[in-house]
Amino acid sequence: MACLSPSQLQKFREDGYLVLEGFLSADECVAMQQRISEIVAKMDVPLHCRTEFCTQEDEQLRAQGSTDYFLSSGDKIRFFFEKGVFDKKGHFLVPPEKSINKIGHALHALDPVFRSITHSPKVQQPHFGGEVSPHQDATFLYTEPLGRVLGMWIALEDASLENGCLWFIPGSHTSGVTRRMIRAPADSGPGTSFLGSEPVRDNSLFVPTPVQRGALVLIHGEVVHKSDQNLSDHTRQAYTFHLMEAAGTVWSPQNWLQPTAELPFPPLYT
């Protein structure tokens, strides 16, 4: 990572994202997948905490932004589920291992396998300051000044057009942030809301980014991206976390994710 070529760095600056194939070996990917299987096998989520993960704004605020299970997950390993995997009483309709949409938000700090990858020398970067709807990471991870958050998206399996690879609007990171998810004041109870709105995006502007297992996709905090629903018979597992440039950066006190006594912020967020 510290040895990105000038042309790679220029492409990232122009497009707002960059693919680095072969970042992890197949063995490293398998080790992470096996560890996830172990974590999920021990999963014990109370019925009232079984939250479906969604990126559509109204459902997002209702399902995640108003629940303490989500809002207090910044220093814990917690589970968020695909839509339609529970009956009306919260019992699984599918095998639990097939129900997971996302595990967050402190795998990078609390699990030794994921911590070793996240803090690997490969990740050091001195040169860088289900369906997922089109969005910008800075909507949820806002800093002042902008441009200080970098997403690290690692494919643990091949990501194709059929199973939901990432899509980007190249160059969209230069237009600012269109909306922000903010946390309610501490004295008003758990809850979030959005400032601004996500504009309707022209689908023809999106460029698909299929990658092979082990690839790393660098994602600028303000580049617009999405992934389509997985319509294939194959899973598409990925590990993602974010880096924040610490020097001269202010993490917004309105962000839903805030430091805790158990996990003061390093410049790393899953």
C-alpha atoms as a PDB file:
ATOM      1  CA  MET A   1       0.000   0.000   0.000  1.00  0.00           C
ATOM      2  CA  ALA A   2       2.827   2.368   0.772  1.00  0.00           C
ATOM      3  CA  CYS A   3       4.227   1.533  -2.666  1.00  0.00           C
ATOM      4  CA  LEU A   4       1.318   2.601  -4.845  1.00  0.00           C
ATOM      5  CA  SER A   5       2.610   3.759  -8.171  1.00  0.00           C
ATOM      6  CA  PRO A   6       2.106   7.362  -9.269  1.00  0.00           C
ATOM      7  CA  SER A   7      -0.404   6.163 -11.887  1.00  0.00           C
ATOM      8  CA  GLN A   8      -2.412   4.244  -9.270  1.00  0.00           C
ATOM      9  CA  LEU A   9      -2.463   7.234  -6.963  1.00  0.00           C
ATOM     10  CA  GLN A  10      -3.536   9.487  -9.830  1.00  0.00           C
ATOM     11  CA  LYS A  11      -6.354   7.107 -10.795  1.00  0.00           C
ATOM     12  CA  PHE A  12      -7.623   7.048  -7.216  1.00  0.00           C
ATOM     13  CA  ARG A  13      -7.599  10.837  -7.084  1.00  0.00           C
ATOM     14  CA  GLU A  14      -9.485  11.069 -10.377  1.00  0.00           C
ATOM     15  CA  ASP A  15     -12.048   8.300  -9.867  1.00  0.00           C
ATOM     16  CA  GLY A  16     -12.449   8.148  -6.084  1.00  0.00           C
ATOM     17  CA  TYR A  17     -11.772   4.398  -5.971  1.00  0.00           C
ATOM     18  CA  LEU A  18      -9.036   1.959  -6.906  1.00  0.00           C
ATOM     19  CA  VAL A  19      -8.857  -1.830  -7.287  1.00  0.00           C
ATOM     20  CA  LEU A  20      -5.777  -3.694  -6.067  1.00  0.00           C
ATOM     21  CA  GLU A  21      -6.080  -7.340  -7.108  1.00  0.00           C
ATOM     22  CA  GLY A  22      -4.260  -9.992  -5.054  1.00  0.00           C
ATOM     23  CA  PHE A  23      -4.088  -7.902  -1.877  1.00  0.00           C
ATOM     24  CA  LEU A  24      -4.803 -10.970   0.276  1.00  0.00           C
ATOM     25  CA  SER A  25      -3.908 -14.561  -0.492  1.00  0.00           C
ATOM     26  CA  ALA A  26      -6.526 -17.273  -0.876  1.00  0.00           C
ATOM     27  CA  ASP A  27      -5.366 -18.768   2.446  1.00  0.00           C
ATOM     28  CA  GLU A  28      -5.889 -15.431   4.237  1.00  0.00           C
ATOM     29  CA  CYS A  29      -9.390 -15.164   2.792  1.00  0.00           C
ATOM     30  CA  VAL A  30     -10.243 -18.717   3.846  1.00  0.00           C
ATOM     31  CA  ALA A  31      -8.977 -18.061   7.388  1.00  0.00           C
ATOM     32  CA  MET A  32     -11.283 -15.040   7.686  1.00  0.00           C
ATOM     33  CA  GLN A  33     -14.253 -16.989   6.322  1.00  0.00           C
ATOM     34  CA  GLN A  34     -13.616 -19.841   8.751  1.00  0.00           C
ATOM     35  CA  ARG A  35     -13.435 -17.393  11.623  1.00  0.00           C
ATOM     36  CA  ILE A  36     -16.753 -15.845  10.609  1.00  0.00           C
ATOM     37  CA  SER A  37     -18.320 -19.320  10.547  1.00  0.00           C
ATOM     38  CA  GLU A  38     -17.070 -19.875  14.115  1.00  0.00           C
ATOM     39  CA  ILE A  39     -18.430 -16.517  15.279  1.00  0.00           C
ATOM     40  CA  VAL A  40     -21.829 -17.100  13.671  1.00  0.00           C
ATOM     41  CA  ALA A  41     -22.054 -20.605  15.122  1.00  0.00           C
ATOM     42  CA  LYS A  42     -21.841 -19.078  18.610  1.00  0.00           C
ATOM     43  CA  MET A  43     -24.245 -16.223  17.778  1.00  0.00           C
ATOM     44  CA  ASP A  44     -26.894 -15.583  20.444  1.00  0.00           C
ATOM     45  CA  VAL A  45     -29.048 -12.584  19.566  1.00  0.00           C
ATOM     46  CA  PRO A  46     -32.145 -11.958  21.719  1.00  0.00           C
ATOM     47  CA  LEU A  47     -35.410 -11.913  19.792  1.00  0.00           C
ATOM     48  CA  HIS A  48     -35.995  -8.201  20.396  1.00  0.00           C
ATOM     49  CA  CYS A  49     -32.527  -7.369  19.018  1.00  0.00           C
ATOM     50  CA  ARG A  50     -32.851  -9.194  15.692  1.00  0.00           C
ATOM     51  CA  THR A  51     -32.448  -6.249  13.330  1.00  0.00           C
ATOM     52  CA  GLU A  52     -32.740  -6.438   9.555  1.00  0.00           C
ATOM     53  CA  PHE A  53     -29.989  -4.406   7.901  1.00  0.00           C
ATOM     54  CA  CYS A  54     -31.282  -1.991   5.268  1.00  0.00           C
ATOM     55  CA  THR A  55     -29.896   0.961   3.296  1.00  0.00           C
ATOM     56  CA  GLN A  56     -33.239   2.425   2.180  1.00  0.00           C
ATOM     57  CA  GLU A  57     -33.635   5.624   4.203  1.00  0.00           C
ATOM     58  CA  ASP A  58     -37.052   5.108   5.849  1.00  0.00           C
ATOM     59  CA  GLU A  59     -36.395   1.486   6.733  1.00  0.00           C
ATOM     60  CA  GLN A  60     -32.860   2.328   7.817  1.00  0.00           C
ATOM     61  CA  LEU A  61     -34.034   4.864  10.380  1.00  0.00           C
ATOM     62  CA  ARG A  62     -36.723   2.535  11.684  1.00  0.00           C
ATOM     63  CA  ALA A  63     -34.773  -0.722  11.757  1.00  0.00           C
ATOM     64  CA  GLN A  64     -31.317   0.513  12.783  1.00  0.00           C
ATOM     65  CA  GLY A  65     -31.262   4.183  13.616  1.00  0.00           C
ATOM     66  CA  SER A  66     -33.820   3.907  16.407  1.00  0.00           C
ATOM     67  CA  THR A  67     -32.461   0.799  18.134  1.00  0.00           C
ATOM     68  CA  ASP A  68     -29.913   0.750  20.919  1.00  0.00           C
ATOM     69  CA  TYR A  69     -28.645  -2.611  19.645  1.00  0.00           C
ATOM     70  CA  PHE A  70     -27.345  -0.855  16.526  1.00  0.00           C
ATOM     71  CA  LEU A  71     -26.388   2.491  18.043  1.00  0.00           C
ATOM     72  CA  SER A  72     -24.322   0.914  20.833  1.00  0.00           C
ATOM     73  CA  SER A  73     -22.532  -1.548  18.523  1.00  0.00           C
ATOM     74  CA  GLY A  74     -19.453   0.581  17.869  1.00  0.00           C
ATOM     75  CA  ASP A  75     -17.337  -1.272  20.430  1.00  0.00           C
ATOM     76  CA  LYS A  76     -18.970  -4.693  20.090  1.00  0.00           C
ATOM     77  CA  ILE A  77     -19.374  -7.595  17.681  1.00  0.00           C
ATOM     78  CA  ARG A  78     -23.058  -7.660  16.758  1.00  0.00           C
ATOM     79  CA  PHE A  79     -25.173  -9.221  14.042  1.00  0.00           C
ATOM     80  CA  PHE A  80     -27.478  -7.613  11.492  1.00  0.00           C
ATOM     81  CA  PHE A  81     -29.655  -9.684   9.232  1.00  0.00           C
ATOM     82  CA  GLU A  82     -31.001  -9.932   5.712  1.00  0.00           C
ATOM     83  CA  LYS A  83     -34.597  -8.947   5.048  1.00  0.00           C
ATOM     84  CA  GLY A  84     -37.170 -11.709   5.225  1.00  0.00           C
ATOM     85  CA  VAL A  85     -35.211 -14.187   7.340  1.00  0.00           C
ATOM     86  CA  PHE A  86     -37.489 -13.987  10.417  1.00  0.00           C
ATOM     87  CA  ASP A  87     -41.108 -14.875  11.061  1.00  0.00           C
ATOM     88  CA  LYS A  88     -43.387 -12.452  12.918  1.00  0.00           C
ATOM     89  CA  LYS A  89     -42.062 -13.678  16.261  1.00  0.00           C
ATOM     90  CA  GLY A  90     -38.429 -13.189  15.303  1.00  0.00           C
ATOM     91  CA  HIS A  91     -37.591 -16.846  14.734  1.00  0.00           C
ATOM     92  CA  PHE A  92     -35.347 -17.834  11.856  1.00  0.00           C
ATOM     93  CA  LEU A  93     -36.969 -18.917   8.595  1.00  0.00           C
ATOM     94  CA  VAL A  94     -33.592 -19.889   7.128  1.00  0.00           C
ATOM     95  CA  PRO A  95     -30.467 -21.458   8.639  1.00  0.00           C
ATOM     96  CA  PRO A  96     -28.817 -18.786  10.853  1.00  0.00           C
ATOM     97  CA  GLU A  97     -25.580 -18.938   8.870  1.00  0.00           C
ATOM     98  CA  LYS A  98     -27.551 -17.926   5.749  1.00  0.00           C
ATOM     99  CA  SER A  99     -29.280 -15.011   7.483  1.00  0.00           C
ATOM    100  CA  ILE A 100     -26.381 -12.615   8.100  1.00  0.00           C
ATOM    101  CA  ASN A 101     -26.112  -9.365   6.158  1.00  0.00           C
ATOM    102  CA  LYS A 102     -23.453  -7.685   8.269  1.00  0.00           C
ATOM    103  CA  ILE A 103     -21.381  -8.209  11.406  1.00  0.00           C
ATOM    104  CA  GLY A 104     -20.210  -5.024  13.095  1.00  0.00           C
ATOM    105  CA  HIS A 105     -18.808  -2.836  14.223  1.00  0.00           C
ATOM    106  CA  ALA A 106     -15.697  -3.844  16.171  1.00  0.00           C
ATOM    107  CA  LEU A 107     -14.393  -6.989  14.501  1.00  0.00           C
ATOM    108  CA  HIS A 108     -11.232  -5.064  13.688  1.00  0.00           C
ATOM    109  CA  ALA A 109     -10.524  -4.472  17.376  1.00  0.00           C
ATOM    110  CA  LEU A 110     -11.992  -7.425  19.248  1.00  0.00           C
ATOM    111  CA  ASP A 111     -11.358 -10.475  17.081  1.00  0.00           C
ATOM    112  CA  PRO A 112      -7.723 -11.596  16.738  1.00  0.00           C
ATOM    113  CA  VAL A 113      -8.041 -12.874  13.152  1.00  0.00           C
ATOM    114  CA  PHE A 114      -9.606  -9.680  11.837  1.00  0.00           C
ATOM    115  CA  ARG A 115      -7.390  -7.507  14.011  1.00  0.00           C
ATOM    116  CA  SER A 116      -4.286  -9.098  12.513  1.00  0.00           C
ATOM    117  CA  ILE A 117      -5.495  -8.322   8.976  1.00  0.00           C
ATOM    118  CA  THR A 118      -6.645  -4.805   9.820  1.00  0.00           C
ATOM    119  CA  HIS A 119      -3.342  -3.905  11.470  1.00  0.00           C
ATOM    120  CA  SER A 120      -1.221  -5.769   8.937  1.00  0.00           C
ATOM    121  CA  PRO A 121       1.723  -3.883   7.418  1.00  0.00           C
ATOM    122  CA  LYS A 122      -0.133  -4.302   4.106  1.00  0.00           C
ATOM    123  CA  VAL A 123      -2.712  -1.793   5.315  1.00  0.00           C
ATOM    124  CA  GLN A 124      -0.331   1.005   6.280  1.00  0.00           C
ATOM    125  CA  GLN A 125      -1.042   4.017   4.046  1.00  0.00           C
ATOM    126  CA  PRO A 126       1.196   7.050   4.342  1.00  0.00           C
ATOM    127  CA  HIS A 127       0.058   8.378   0.944  1.00  0.00           C
ATOM    128  CA  PHE A 128      -3.680   8.545   1.560  1.00  0.00           C
ATOM    129  CA  GLY A 129      -5.294  11.402   3.436  1.00  0.00           C
ATOM    130  CA  GLY A 130     -27.943  -7.717   0.161  1.00  0.00           C
ATOM    131  CA  GLU A 131     -28.415  -4.617  -2.129  1.00  0.00           C
ATOM    132  CA  VAL A 132     -26.797  -1.455  -0.971  1.00  0.00           C
ATOM    133  CA  SER A 133     -28.437   1.701  -2.266  1.00  0.00           C
ATOM    134  CA  PRO A 134     -26.288   4.433  -3.829  1.00  0.00           C
ATOM    135  CA  HIS A 135     -24.574   6.290  -1.020  1.00  0.00           C
ATOM    136  CA  GLN A 136     -21.432   8.013   0.237  1.00  0.00           C
ATOM    137  CA  ASP A 137     -19.591   6.644   3.276  1.00  0.00           C
ATOM    138  CA  ALA A 138     -19.163  10.200   4.582  1.00  0.00           C
ATOM    139  CA  THR A 139     -22.948  10.293   5.084  1.00  0.00           C
ATOM    140  CA  PHE A 140     -22.347   8.071   8.112  1.00  0.00           C
ATOM    141  CA  LEU A 141     -18.663   8.811   8.855  1.00  0.00           C
ATOM    142  CA  TYR A 142     -18.450  12.596   8.598  1.00  0.00           C
ATOM    143  CA  THR A 143     -15.265  14.520   9.289  1.00  0.00           C
ATOM    144  CA  GLU A 144     -14.023  18.071   9.116  1.00  0.00           C
ATOM    145  CA  PRO A 145     -12.381  18.661   6.775  1.00  0.00           C
ATOM    146  CA  LEU A 146     -13.891  16.192   4.343  1.00  0.00           C
ATOM    147  CA  GLY A 147     -11.714  13.763   2.424  1.00  0.00           C
ATOM    148  CA  ARG A 148     -10.146  12.181   5.511  1.00  0.00           C
ATOM    149  CA  VAL A 149     -11.978   8.818   5.480  1.00  0.00           C
ATOM    150  CA  LEU A 150     -10.920   5.909   3.284  1.00  0.00           C
ATOM    151  CA  GLY A 151     -12.922   2.705   2.918  1.00  0.00           C
ATOM    152  CA  MET A 152     -11.105  -0.637   2.623  1.00  0.00           C
ATOM    153  CA  TRP A 153     -13.300  -3.279   0.957  1.00  0.00           C
ATOM    154  CA  ILE A 154     -11.690  -6.728   0.697  1.00  0.00           C
ATOM    155  CA  ALA A 155     -13.313  -9.485  -1.353  1.00  0.00           C
ATOM    156  CA  LEU A 156     -13.206 -12.797   0.519  1.00  0.00           C
ATOM    157  CA  GLU A 157     -14.887 -14.401  -2.488  1.00  0.00           C
ATOM    158  CA  ASP A 158     -15.105 -13.444  -6.152  1.00  0.00           C
ATOM    159  CA  ALA A 159     -17.492 -10.498  -6.612  1.00  0.00           C
ATOM    160  CA  SER A 160     -19.239 -10.594  -9.971  1.00  0.00           C
ATOM    161  CA  LEU A 161     -22.092  -8.872 -11.765  1.00  0.00           C
ATOM    162  CA  GLU A 162     -24.322 -11.782 -10.778  1.00  0.00           C
ATOM    163  CA  ASN A 163     -23.595 -11.910  -7.053  1.00  0.00           C
ATOM    164  CA  GLY A 164     -23.506  -8.195  -6.259  1.00  0.00           C
ATOM    165  CA  CYS A 165     -20.165  -6.560  -7.030  1.00  0.00           C
ATOM    166  CA  LEU A 166     -19.581  -2.884  -6.254  1.00  0.00           C
ATOM    167  CA  TRP A 167     -20.598  -0.146  -8.706  1.00  0.00           C
ATOM    168  CA  PHE A 168     -19.156   3.392  -8.672  1.00  0.00           C
ATOM    169  CA  ILE A 169     -19.792   6.769 -10.259  1.00  0.00           C
ATOM    170  CA  PRO A 170     -16.211   7.756 -11.159  1.00  0.00           C
ATOM    171  CA  GLY A 171     -15.285  11.257 -10.061  1.00  0.00           C
ATOM    172  CA  SER A 172     -18.367  11.716  -7.861  1.00  0.00           C
ATOM    173  CA  HIS A 173     -16.163  12.266  -4.800  1.00  0.00           C
ATOM    174  CA  THR A 174     -15.530  15.857  -5.904  1.00  0.00           C
ATOM    175  CA  SER A 175     -19.115  17.086  -5.419  1.00  0.00           C
ATOM    176  CA  GLY A 176     -19.412  17.119  -1.625  1.00  0.00           C
ATOM    177  CA  VAL A 177     -21.786  15.206   0.662  1.00  0.00           C
ATOM    178  CA  THR A 178     -25.494  15.307  -0.128  1.00  0.00           C
ATOM    179  CA  ARG A 179     -26.847  14.023   3.197  1.00  0.00           C
ATOM    180  CA  ARG A 180     -25.711  13.112   6.691  1.00  0.00           C
ATOM    181  CA  MET A 181     -26.964  10.610   9.236  1.00  0.00           C
ATOM    182  CA  ILE A 182     -26.838  12.300  12.647  1.00  0.00           C
ATOM    183  CA  ARG A 183     -27.389  10.947  16.113  1.00  0.00           C
ATOM    184  CA  ALA A 184     -29.997  12.388  18.450  1.00  0.00           C
ATOM    185  CA  PRO A 185     -28.710  14.292  21.514  1.00  0.00           C
ATOM    186  CA  ALA A 186     -27.808  12.050  24.439  1.00  0.00           C
ATOM    187  CA  ASP A 187     -30.670  13.322  26.599  1.00  0.00           C
ATOM    188  CA  SER A 188     -33.326  12.515  23.997  1.00  0.00           C
ATOM    189  CA  GLY A 189     -32.844   8.745  23.866  1.00  0.00           C
ATOM    190  CA  PRO A 190     -31.559   6.574  20.999  1.00  0.00           C
ATOM    191  CA  GLY A 191     -32.356   7.672  17.510  1.00  0.00           C
ATOM    192  CA  THR A 192     -30.979   9.104  14.298  1.00  0.00           C
ATOM    193  CA  SER A 193     -32.159  11.310  11.469  1.00  0.00           C
ATOM    194  CA  PHE A 194     -30.891  12.489   8.111  1.00  0.00           C
ATOM    195  CA  LEU A 195     -29.858  15.989   7.113  1.00  0.00           C
ATOM    196  CA  GLY A 196     -30.284  16.550   3.388  1.00  0.00           C
ATOM    197  CA  SER A 197     -31.376  13.876   0.945  1.00  0.00           C
ATOM    198  CA  GLU A 198     -29.871  11.425  -1.483  1.00  0.00           C
ATOM    199  CA  PRO A 199     -30.525  12.639  -5.045  1.00  0.00           C
ATOM    200  CA  VAL A 200     -31.839  10.319  -7.710  1.00  0.00           C
ATOM    201  CA  ARG A 201     -28.823   8.921  -9.530  1.00  0.00           C
ATOM    202  CA  ASP A 202     -28.670   8.153 -13.231  1.00  0.00           C
ATOM    203  CA  ASN A 203     -27.950   4.425 -13.367  1.00  0.00           C
ATOM    204  CA  SER A 204     -26.016   4.877 -16.598  1.00  0.00           C
ATOM    205  CA  LEU A 205     -23.321   6.739 -14.628  1.00  0.00           C
ATOM    206  CA  PHE A 206     -22.439   3.686 -12.517  1.00  0.00           C
ATOM    207  CA  VAL A 207     -19.499   1.523 -13.545  1.00  0.00           C
ATOM    208  CA  PRO A 208     -19.385  -2.115 -12.340  1.00  0.00           C
ATOM    209  CA  THR A 209     -16.264  -3.280 -10.516  1.00  0.00           C
ATOM    210  CA  PRO A 210     -16.074  -7.082 -10.477  1.00  0.00           C
ATOM    211  CA  VAL A 211     -13.038  -8.397  -8.606  1.00  0.00           C
ATOM    212  CA  GLN A 212     -11.469 -11.706  -7.660  1.00  0.00           C
ATOM    213  CA  ARG A 213     -11.082 -13.161  -4.182  1.00  0.00           C
ATOM    214  CA  GLY A 214      -8.379 -11.317  -2.253  1.00  0.00           C
ATOM    215  CA  ALA A 215      -8.787  -8.005  -4.083  1.00  0.00           C
ATOM    216  CA  LEU A 216      -8.823  -4.742  -2.170  1.00  0.00           C
ATOM    217  CA  VAL A 217     -10.999  -1.845  -3.311  1.00  0.00           C
ATOM    218  CA  LEU A 218     -10.014   1.553  -1.931  1.00  0.00           C
ATOM    219  CA  ILE A 219     -13.073   3.789  -1.567  1.00  0.00           C
ATOM    220  CA  HIS A 220     -12.925   7.567  -1.085  1.00  0.00           C
ATOM    221  CA  GLY A 221     -15.339   8.669   1.627  1.00  0.00           C
ATOM    222  CA  GLU A 222     -17.355  10.817  -0.770  1.00  0.00           C
ATOM    223  CA  VAL A 223     -17.480   8.654  -3.913  1.00  0.00           C
ATOM    224  CA  VAL A 224     -20.993   7.420  -4.743  1.00  0.00           C
ATOM    225  CA  HIS A 225     -21.240   3.630  -4.845  1.00  0.00           C
ATOM    226  CA  LYS A 226     -23.715   0.795  -4.518  1.00  0.00           C
ATOM    227  CA  SER A 227     -24.121  -2.949  -4.953  1.00  0.00           C
ATOM    228  CA  ASP A 228     -27.047  -4.768  -6.520  1.00  0.00           C
ATOM    229  CA  GLN A 229     -28.945  -7.666  -5.034  1.00  0.00           C
ATOM    230  CA  ASN A 230     -27.218 -11.009  -5.234  1.00  0.00           C
ATOM    231  CA  LEU A 231     -29.313 -12.977  -7.724  1.00  0.00           C
ATOM    232  CA  SER A 232     -26.918 -15.897  -8.006  1.00  0.00           C
ATOM    233  CA  ASP A 233     -26.524 -19.145  -6.096  1.00  0.00           C
ATOM    234  CA  HIS A 234     -23.133 -18.009  -4.812  1.00  0.00           C
ATOM    235  CA  THR A 235     -22.360 -15.945  -1.734  1.00  0.00           C
ATOM    236  CA  ARG A 236     -20.275 -12.762  -1.887  1.00  0.00           C
ATOM    237  CA  GLN A 237     -18.481 -12.313   1.405  1.00  0.00           C
ATOM    238  CA  ALA A 238     -16.370  -9.221   2.020  1.00  0.00           C
ATOM    239  CA  TYR A 239     -14.552  -7.560   4.894  1.00  0.00           C
ATOM    240  CA  THR A 240     -14.714  -3.800   5.077  1.00  0.00           C
ATOM    241  CA  PHE A 241     -13.372  -1.189   7.458  1.00  0.00           C
ATOM    242  CA  HIS A 242     -12.483   2.480   7.321  1.00  0.00           C
ATOM    243  CA  LEU A 243      -9.357   4.483   8.014  1.00  0.00           C
ATOM    244  CA  MET A 244      -9.386   8.075   9.174  1.00  0.00           C
ATOM    245  CA  GLU A 245      -6.423  10.386   8.868  1.00  0.00           C
ATOM    246  CA  ALA A 246      -5.856  11.370  12.488  1.00  0.00           C
ATOM    247  CA  ALA A 247      -3.751  14.523  12.125  1.00  0.00           C
ATOM    248  CA  GLY A 248      -5.880  17.625  11.816  1.00  0.00           C
ATOM    249  CA  THR A 249      -9.165  15.717  11.478  1.00  0.00           C
ATOM    250  CA  VAL A 250     -12.270  16.313  13.605  1.00  0.00           C
ATOM    251  CA  TRP A 251     -14.676  13.388  13.929  1.00  0.00           C
ATOM    252  CA  SER A 252     -18.166  14.866  13.984  1.00  0.00           C
ATOM    253  CA  PRO A 253     -19.856  14.598  17.407  1.00  0.00           C
ATOM    254  CA  GLN A 254     -23.111  14.128  15.467  1.00  0.00           C
ATOM    255  CA  ASN A 255     -21.986  10.855  13.845  1.00  0.00           C
ATOM    256  CA  TRP A 256     -23.929   7.800  14.985  1.00  0.00           C
ATOM    257  CA  LEU A 257     -20.631   6.057  15.821  1.00  0.00           C
ATOM    258  CA  GLN A 258     -18.871   7.599  18.815  1.00  0.00           C
ATOM    259  CA  PRO A 259     -15.878   6.573  20.967  1.00  0.00           C
ATOM    260  CA  THR A 260     -16.490   4.714  24.202  1.00  0.00           C
ATOM    261  CA  ALA A 261     -14.462   3.916  27.294  1.00  0.00           C
ATOM    262  CA  GLU A 262     -14.108   0.335  26.024  1.00  0.00           C
ATOM    263  CA  LEU A 263     -12.934   1.398  22.557  1.00  0.00           C
ATOM    264  CA  PRO A 264     -11.481   4.907  22.272  1.00  0.00           C
ATOM    265  CA  PHE A 265     -11.105   5.754  18.634  1.00  0.00           C
ATOM    266  CA  PRO A 266      -7.982   4.675  16.855  1.00  0.00           C
ATOM    267  CA  PRO A 267      -7.984   5.785  13.204  1.00  0.00           C
ATOM    268  CA  LEU A 268      -9.730   2.529  12.284  1.00  0.00           C
ATOM    269  CA  TYR A 269     -13.449   1.773  12.044  1.00  0.00           C
ATOM    270  CA  THR A 270     -15.224  -1.329  10.737  1.00  0.00           C
END
